Structure formats: structure tokens, C-alpha cells
């Protein structure tokens, strides 16, 4: 009985996906392996066009489902390109689907499990090194980050929608964390922007950028919490 195969390819950029760059080499490697082993490719290949750092892989999920439903094995071109992505490796290992990689045809679940652990450890080490380097830089007085936030990206015309959205999401999340603090201060009679700024500074609460509060930064915070309320808050510095 001829064994069946489901094929999964990945390219890391939209440009590569549109032009076929990278895909052609993967196709040649996979088809050569299938021909050598007498496997029949039963469906159009599943192609993922995304960054290797992302964890969500919808096309991989579809490929694994197809392999499960048909009893076919999953064939990928290059396991080494994905060997630093722990989530991909664990998904592959835990799927229960037989798989083979053209560039590492003898890799099995045990091999992939070890690679997943090494990938996770490497990510942890990178995170630790980055954190340590930032601490050293901060101790030396280096000003980290962009003090103007998303506004600087907009002015320069270099900010992407995703980057700006991320900045906005972080600011909204921080505002939600501060909501009960603001409500407590207001209930205690602190009504003006200046008064709220002074109270926040006195309690040692930092702005989202790690600085001291001013009337303007409190206004921005209030605008995220409730634009109508913010419009009616006194700007007094008292």
C-alpha cells in the first residue's frame, strides 16, 4: 500500500510568499523525499507565511488536522529552520501525527522533544541576557525607549499599524490597572489633575514610561479611563 503524505511549507515574509522565493527550494526537497520513499502527496501543500517568532500557526494546525483525518504523515522541508521555535516543536511532538523533515529525515518525537527543550532554554537565556543588559544600561544613565511613544513613529512616518496598536494596548492596560487607584483618590476628595498627579507621585506610582506624574499625563490617563470625565476634571495644580 502506498503511504500518503501531507505537506507543510513555511516562509518568513509576505514577499517570499508572493514571489515563491524559498518555497521552490522546499518543494523540490519535499517532492524528492516523497518520490524516493514512494509516498503520495494527497492534498495541496499548506503554506505558512509569517515570522518564525510567532506562535500561532493556523496552516500548521490545518496540515496536522488533514494528516490525522487521512492517516497520512506530515512532511516538512526544513526542521532546522524551525528548531528554535519551542511552540512549533511541541505542537509537532504532541500532535500524534507521524512526520518527517526532508533536511532531517531520521528525526523522531524523541529528537524533536530534545530540540524543543533546547529551544525553550535558549529563549529563556536570551531573555535573561536582555534583561541584564538593560539593567546595566539603565544604571549607566542610558535613557531606554522612545520618550515620545507612538507619537514619534507617527511624526517620522515610520511606525507600523501593529507597532502603534501595541503601544496603545499597553497604555490601555496600564490605565485599567490604575483605575481603582484613581477612584480611591477621587473618593478621598482629590479632584484636580494636579492634585491627582501629586497624590500618585507621593504614593510612588510611576507613569507608564517610568517617570513622575504631571497634570498632562494624568489627563491622558483620565482620557483613556473615561473621556467625558476627563473633560470635566479641573486642571488646577493644587
Protein backbone atom coordinates (compact mmCIF):
# COMPACT_ATOMS: atom_id res chain seq x y z
CA UNK A 1 0.00 0.00 0.00
CA UNK A 2 1.36 3.41 -0.98
CA UNK A 3 1.83 5.71 2.00
CA UNK A 4 0.24 9.15 1.84
CA UNK A 5 1.76 12.49 2.77
CA UNK A 6 0.51 15.95 3.72
CA UNK A 7 2.98 18.75 3.03
CA UNK A 8 3.66 21.88 5.09
CA UNK A 9 5.90 24.74 3.99
CA UNK A 10 6.86 27.94 5.80
CA UNK A 11 8.30 31.20 4.54
CA UNK A 12 9.04 34.10 6.85
CA UNK A 13 7.93 37.12 4.82
CA UNK A 14 5.00 38.14 2.65
CA UNK A 15 7.45 38.96 -0.12
CA UNK A 16 8.81 35.42 -0.11
CA UNK A 17 5.28 34.03 -0.07
CA UNK A 18 4.18 36.11 -3.06
CA UNK A 19 7.31 35.55 -5.13
CA UNK A 20 7.86 31.90 -4.32
CA UNK A 21 11.36 32.60 -3.02
CA UNK A 22 12.18 29.87 -0.54
CA UNK A 23 9.07 27.87 -1.42
CA UNK A 24 10.57 26.42 -4.57
CA UNK A 25 13.59 25.00 -2.75
CA UNK A 26 11.32 23.48 -0.10
CA UNK A 27 9.05 21.98 -2.76
CA UNK A 28 11.99 20.37 -4.56
CA UNK A 29 13.33 18.86 -1.30
CA UNK A 30 9.94 17.50 -0.20
CA UNK A 31 8.98 16.07 -3.58
CA UNK A 32 12.37 14.40 -3.90
CA UNK A 33 11.97 12.76 -0.48
CA UNK A 34 8.43 11.59 -1.24
CA UNK A 35 9.49 10.20 -4.59
CA UNK A 36 12.44 8.39 -3.00
CA UNK A 37 10.24 6.75 -0.37
CA UNK A 38 7.25 6.15 -2.59
CA UNK A 39 4.87 8.46 -0.73
CA UNK A 40 1.87 10.02 -2.46
CA UNK A 41 1.12 13.68 -1.70
CA UNK A 42 -2.66 13.68 -1.27
CA UNK A 43 -3.54 17.39 -0.94
CA UNK A 44 -2.28 20.83 -1.95
CA UNK A 45 0.55 21.94 0.34
CA UNK A 46 -0.22 24.04 3.40
CA UNK A 47 1.86 27.22 3.23
CA UNK A 48 2.51 29.43 6.26
CA UNK A 49 3.68 32.97 5.51
CA UNK A 50 4.71 34.52 8.80
CA UNK A 51 7.51 35.32 11.18
CA UNK A 52 9.33 32.45 12.83
CA UNK A 53 8.94 34.21 16.18
CA UNK A 54 5.16 33.95 16.11
CA UNK A 55 3.47 31.14 17.99
CA UNK A 56 0.18 30.96 16.12
CA UNK A 57 0.41 28.72 13.07
CA UNK A 58 -3.03 28.23 11.53
CA UNK A 59 -1.73 26.49 8.41
CA UNK A 60 0.26 24.03 10.52
CA UNK A 61 -2.91 23.27 12.51
CA UNK A 62 -4.78 22.62 9.25
CA UNK A 63 -1.98 20.38 7.98
CA UNK A 64 -1.97 18.37 11.22
CA UNK A 65 -5.77 18.01 11.11
CA UNK A 66 -5.59 16.82 7.50
CA UNK A 67 -2.92 14.27 8.40
CA UNK A 68 -5.00 12.99 11.33
CA UNK A 69 -8.16 12.68 9.26
CA UNK A 70 -6.47 10.85 6.41
CA UNK A 71 -3.91 8.82 8.34
CA UNK A 72 -1.16 10.44 6.31
CA UNK A 73 2.23 11.54 7.57
CA UNK A 74 3.22 15.20 7.70
CA UNK A 75 6.22 16.12 5.57
CA UNK A 76 8.08 19.40 6.07
CA UNK A 77 11.12 20.67 4.19
CA UNK A 78 13.38 22.12 6.85
CA UNK A 79 13.15 21.27 10.52
CA UNK A 80 16.39 23.10 11.27
CA UNK A 81 14.81 26.47 10.35
CA UNK A 82 12.16 25.86 12.97
CA UNK A 83 14.35 24.25 15.61
CA UNK A 84 14.48 27.40 17.80
CA UNK A 85 10.70 27.72 17.99
CA UNK A 86 9.69 25.68 21.02
CA UNK A 87 5.94 26.09 20.42
CA UNK A 88 6.20 24.70 16.89
CA UNK A 89 8.27 21.74 18.03
CA UNK A 90 5.97 20.92 20.93
CA UNK A 91 2.90 21.19 18.69
CA UNK A 92 4.53 18.79 16.27
CA UNK A 93 5.55 16.39 19.03
CA UNK A 94 2.20 16.38 20.82
CA UNK A 95 0.05 16.08 17.69
CA UNK A 96 0.42 12.32 17.49
CA UNK A 97 0.97 12.64 13.74
CA UNK A 98 3.83 10.83 12.06
CA UNK A 99 6.13 13.34 10.46
CA UNK A 100 9.39 13.58 8.60
CA UNK A 101 11.59 16.52 7.61
CA UNK A 102 13.45 16.47 4.31
CA UNK A 103 16.55 18.00 5.88
CA UNK A 104 16.45 15.70 8.96
CA UNK A 105 14.72 12.52 7.74
CA UNK A 106 15.75 10.48 10.78
CA UNK A 107 14.35 12.91 13.38
CA UNK A 108 11.60 11.42 15.56
CA UNK A 109 9.45 12.52 18.50
CA UNK A 110 12.32 11.99 20.93
CA UNK A 111 14.66 14.13 18.83
CA UNK A 112 12.05 16.86 18.48
CA UNK A 113 11.37 16.78 22.23
CA UNK A 114 15.04 17.46 22.97
CA UNK A 115 15.10 20.23 20.37
CA UNK A 116 12.01 21.80 21.97
CA UNK A 117 13.63 21.84 25.41
CA UNK A 118 16.81 23.36 23.99
CA UNK A 119 14.78 25.98 22.11
CA UNK A 120 12.89 26.93 25.26
CA UNK A 121 16.12 27.14 27.26
CA UNK A 122 17.69 29.34 24.61
CA UNK A 123 14.69 31.70 24.68
CA UNK A 124 15.00 31.94 28.48
CA UNK A 125 18.72 32.66 28.27
CA UNK A 126 18.15 35.35 25.62
CA UNK A 127 15.51 36.95 27.85
CA UNK A 128 17.84 36.87 30.87
CA UNK A 129 20.72 38.37 28.89
CA UNK A 130 18.47 41.11 27.51
CA UNK A 131 17.12 41.97 30.96
CA UNK A 132 20.62 42.07 32.43
CA UNK A 133 21.89 44.29 29.61
CA UNK A 134 19.00 46.72 30.06
CA UNK A 135 19.67 46.95 33.79
CA UNK A 136 23.34 47.73 33.17
CA UNK A 137 22.41 50.36 30.57
CA UNK A 138 19.89 51.96 32.91
CA UNK A 139 22.43 52.01 35.75
CA UNK A 140 24.81 53.88 33.45
CA UNK A 141 22.17 56.52 32.83
CA UNK A 142 21.16 55.41 29.36
CA UNK A 143 17.61 56.53 28.62
CA UNK A 144 15.71 53.49 27.41
CA UNK A 145 12.81 53.52 24.99
CA UNK A 146 11.32 56.37 22.99
CA UNK A 147 10.15 59.17 25.32
CA UNK A 148 7.51 60.25 22.81
CA UNK A 149 5.95 56.81 22.39
CA UNK A 150 3.79 56.23 19.33
CA UNK A 151 3.71 59.95 18.50
CA UNK A 152 7.33 59.84 17.36
CA UNK A 153 6.55 56.97 14.97
CA UNK A 154 3.63 58.89 13.52
CA UNK A 155 5.68 62.07 13.03
CA UNK A 156 8.50 60.17 11.38
CA UNK A 157 6.10 58.21 9.21
CA UNK A 158 7.92 55.06 10.14
CA UNK A 159 5.53 53.47 12.62
CA UNK A 160 3.55 50.45 11.51
CA UNK A 161 -0.07 49.94 12.44
CA UNK A 162 0.89 46.94 14.55
CA UNK A 163 3.53 48.88 16.50
CA UNK A 164 1.19 51.78 17.21
CA UNK A 165 -1.58 49.37 18.19
CA UNK A 166 0.80 47.64 20.62
CA UNK A 167 1.73 50.95 22.26
CA UNK A 168 -1.95 51.86 22.57
CA UNK A 169 -2.84 48.44 24.01
CA UNK A 170 -0.09 48.74 26.64
CA UNK A 171 -1.28 52.21 27.64
CA UNK A 172 -4.87 50.99 27.93
CA UNK A 173 -3.83 48.03 30.04
CA UNK A 174 -1.84 50.32 32.36
CA UNK A 175 -4.83 52.67 32.65
CA UNK A 176 -7.06 49.78 33.68
CA UNK A 177 -4.59 48.87 36.41
CA UNK A 178 -4.65 52.43 37.72
CA UNK A 179 -8.44 52.80 37.60
CA UNK A 180 -9.05 51.68 41.22
CA UNK A 181 -6.25 53.97 42.45
CA UNK A 182 -7.78 56.99 40.71
CA UNK A 183 -11.24 56.10 42.03
CA UNK A 184 -9.86 55.81 45.58
CA UNK A 185 -8.13 59.19 45.35
CA UNK A 186 -11.22 60.87 43.93
CA UNK A 187 -13.39 59.35 46.65
CA UNK A 188 -10.95 60.89 49.13
CA UNK A 189 -11.56 64.34 47.71
CA UNK A 190 -8.68 64.69 45.25
CA UNK A 191 -10.37 66.25 42.23
CA UNK A 192 -7.88 68.19 40.11
CA UNK A 193 -5.34 66.86 37.63
CA UNK A 194 -2.52 68.46 39.60
CA UNK A 195 -3.82 67.01 42.83
CA UNK A 196 -4.07 63.54 41.35
CA UNK A 197 -0.56 63.85 39.92
CA UNK A 198 0.82 64.87 43.32
CA UNK A 199 -1.00 62.02 45.06
CA UNK A 200 0.28 59.44 42.57
CA UNK A 201 3.84 60.72 42.96
CA UNK A 202 3.52 60.66 46.74
CA UNK A 203 2.46 57.00 46.63
CA UNK A 204 5.46 56.17 44.45
CA UNK A 205 3.38 55.15 41.44
CA UNK A 206 5.25 55.67 38.16
CA UNK A 207 3.85 56.67 34.79
CA UNK A 208 3.76 54.01 32.02
CA UNK A 209 7.14 55.38 30.90
CA UNK A 210 8.62 55.13 34.38
CA UNK A 211 8.56 58.84 35.23
CA UNK A 212 6.75 61.25 37.53
CA UNK A 213 3.16 62.30 37.05
CA UNK A 214 2.15 65.76 35.84
CA UNK A 215 -1.26 67.26 35.14
CA UNK A 216 -0.87 66.48 31.43
CA UNK A 217 -0.02 62.81 31.99
CA UNK A 218 -2.95 62.43 34.38
CA UNK A 219 -5.22 63.98 31.74
CA UNK A 220 -4.02 61.37 29.24
CA UNK A 221 -4.71 58.65 31.78
CA UNK A 222 -8.19 60.00 32.53
CA UNK A 223 -8.95 60.22 28.81
CA UNK A 224 -8.30 56.51 28.50
CA UNK A 225 -10.42 55.71 31.54
CA UNK A 226 -13.35 57.97 30.62
CA UNK A 227 -13.06 60.78 28.04
CA UNK A 228 -16.21 62.54 29.31
CA UNK A 229 -14.98 62.56 32.90
CA UNK A 230 -11.52 63.73 31.80
CA UNK A 231 -13.03 66.71 30.00
CA UNK A 232 -14.60 67.91 33.22
CA UNK A 233 -11.63 67.39 35.55
CA UNK A 234 -10.03 70.58 36.86
CA UNK A 235 -6.58 71.40 35.54
CA UNK A 236 -5.59 73.07 38.78
CA UNK A 237 -2.14 72.21 40.07
CA UNK A 238 -3.38 72.27 43.64
